[in-house]
Amino acid sequence: MVPKDPMMLLSYINTQLRDFYSSLDALAEGLNTDKEEIVEKLRSIDYEYDAELNKFV
């Protein structure tokens, strides 16, 4: 289950990206979730996905 709280989501997503997924697209597919929903929710707390680092910064 993907957390709904943006700060919890940030921690969860970055951990998943670090440990299990090579990209945000792979994560969204693997977790069967909407990538844009993650991006928008984390953008609301001023975090953007950095593909080179493979994490939200």
C-alpha atoms as a PDB file:
ATOM      1  CA  MET A   1       0.000   0.000   0.000  1.00  0.00           C
ATOM      2  CA  VAL A   2       1.351   3.396  -1.030  1.00  0.00           C
ATOM      3  CA  PRO A   3       1.158   6.035   1.747  1.00  0.00           C
ATOM      4  CA  LYS A   4      -1.216   8.959   1.218  1.00  0.00           C
ATOM      5  CA  ASP A   5       0.609  11.495   3.399  1.00  0.00           C
ATOM      6  CA  PRO A   6       3.113  13.364   1.148  1.00  0.00           C
ATOM      7  CA  MET A   7       6.043  13.174   3.595  1.00  0.00           C
ATOM      8  CA  MET A   8       5.505   9.456   4.212  1.00  0.00           C
ATOM      9  CA  LEU A   9       5.105   8.984   0.472  1.00  0.00           C
ATOM     10  CA  LEU A  10       8.432  10.724  -0.165  1.00  0.00           C
ATOM     11  CA  SER A  11      10.279   8.410   2.193  1.00  0.00           C
ATOM     12  CA  TYR A  12       8.527   5.313   0.866  1.00  0.00           C
ATOM     13  CA  ILE A  13       9.037   6.146  -2.821  1.00  0.00           C
ATOM     14  CA  ASN A  14      12.711   7.083  -2.455  1.00  0.00           C
ATOM     15  CA  THR A  15      13.369   3.876  -0.497  1.00  0.00           C
ATOM     16  CA  GLN A  16      11.608   1.798  -3.149  1.00  0.00           C
ATOM     17  CA  LEU A  17      13.549   3.545  -5.924  1.00  0.00           C
ATOM     18  CA  ARG A  18      16.847   3.005  -4.123  1.00  0.00           C
ATOM     19  CA  ASP A  19      16.261  -0.631  -3.215  1.00  0.00           C
ATOM     20  CA  PHE A  20      14.070  -2.130  -5.924  1.00  0.00           C
ATOM     21  CA  TYR A  21      13.407   0.018  -9.017  1.00  0.00           C
ATOM     22  CA  SER A  22      15.677   1.497 -11.659  1.00  0.00           C
ATOM     23  CA  SER A  23      13.259   4.289 -12.587  1.00  0.00           C
ATOM     24  CA  LEU A  24      10.027   5.991 -11.617  1.00  0.00           C
ATOM     25  CA  ASP A  25       8.286   4.300 -14.555  1.00  0.00           C
ATOM     26  CA  ALA A  26       9.403   0.870 -13.318  1.00  0.00           C
ATOM     27  CA  LEU A  27       8.201   1.707  -9.812  1.00  0.00           C
ATOM     28  CA  ALA A  28       4.773   2.849 -11.001  1.00  0.00           C
ATOM     29  CA  GLU A  29       4.375  -0.288 -13.083  1.00  0.00           C
ATOM     30  CA  GLY A  30       5.651  -2.573 -10.319  1.00  0.00           C
ATOM     31  CA  LEU A  31       3.379  -1.037  -7.688  1.00  0.00           C
ATOM     32  CA  ASN A  32       0.479  -0.740 -10.133  1.00  0.00           C
ATOM     33  CA  THR A  33       0.050   2.944  -9.332  1.00  0.00           C
ATOM     34  CA  ASP A  34      -0.278   6.175 -11.285  1.00  0.00           C
ATOM     35  CA  LYS A  35       3.096   7.836 -11.806  1.00  0.00           C
ATOM     36  CA  GLU A  36       1.563  11.276 -12.347  1.00  0.00           C
ATOM     37  CA  GLU A  37      -0.327  11.041  -9.054  1.00  0.00           C
ATOM     38  CA  ILE A  38       2.971  10.405  -7.229  1.00  0.00           C
ATOM     39  CA  VAL A  39       4.699  13.245  -9.083  1.00  0.00           C
ATOM     40  CA  GLU A  40       1.893  15.709  -8.330  1.00  0.00           C
ATOM     41  CA  LYS A  41       1.630  14.758  -4.672  1.00  0.00           C
ATOM     42  CA  LEU A  42       5.384  15.141  -4.144  1.00  0.00           C
ATOM     43  CA  ARG A  43       5.466  18.341  -6.181  1.00  0.00           C
ATOM     44  CA  SER A  44       2.952  19.730  -3.672  1.00  0.00           C
ATOM     45  CA  ILE A  45       5.718  19.551  -1.039  1.00  0.00           C
ATOM     46  CA  ASP A  46       8.364  20.926  -3.436  1.00  0.00           C
ATOM     47  CA  TYR A  47      10.023  17.679  -4.512  1.00  0.00           C
ATOM     48  CA  GLU A  48      10.775  16.789  -8.122  1.00  0.00           C
ATOM     49  CA  TYR A  49      11.943  13.501  -9.590  1.00  0.00           C
ATOM     50  CA  ASP A  50      15.587  13.492 -10.705  1.00  0.00           C
ATOM     51  CA  ALA A  51      15.993  10.665 -13.236  1.00  0.00           C
ATOM     52  CA  GLU A  52      19.778  10.794 -13.066  1.00  0.00           C
ATOM     53  CA  LEU A  53      19.757  10.269  -9.300  1.00  0.00           C
ATOM     54  CA  ASN A  54      16.612   8.102  -9.465  1.00  0.00           C
ATOM     55  CA  LYS A  55      15.023   9.836  -6.505  1.00  0.00           C
ATOM     56  CA  PHE A  56      12.887  12.779  -5.526  1.00  0.00           C
ATOM     57  CA  VAL A  57      14.945  15.787  -4.424  1.00  0.00           C
END
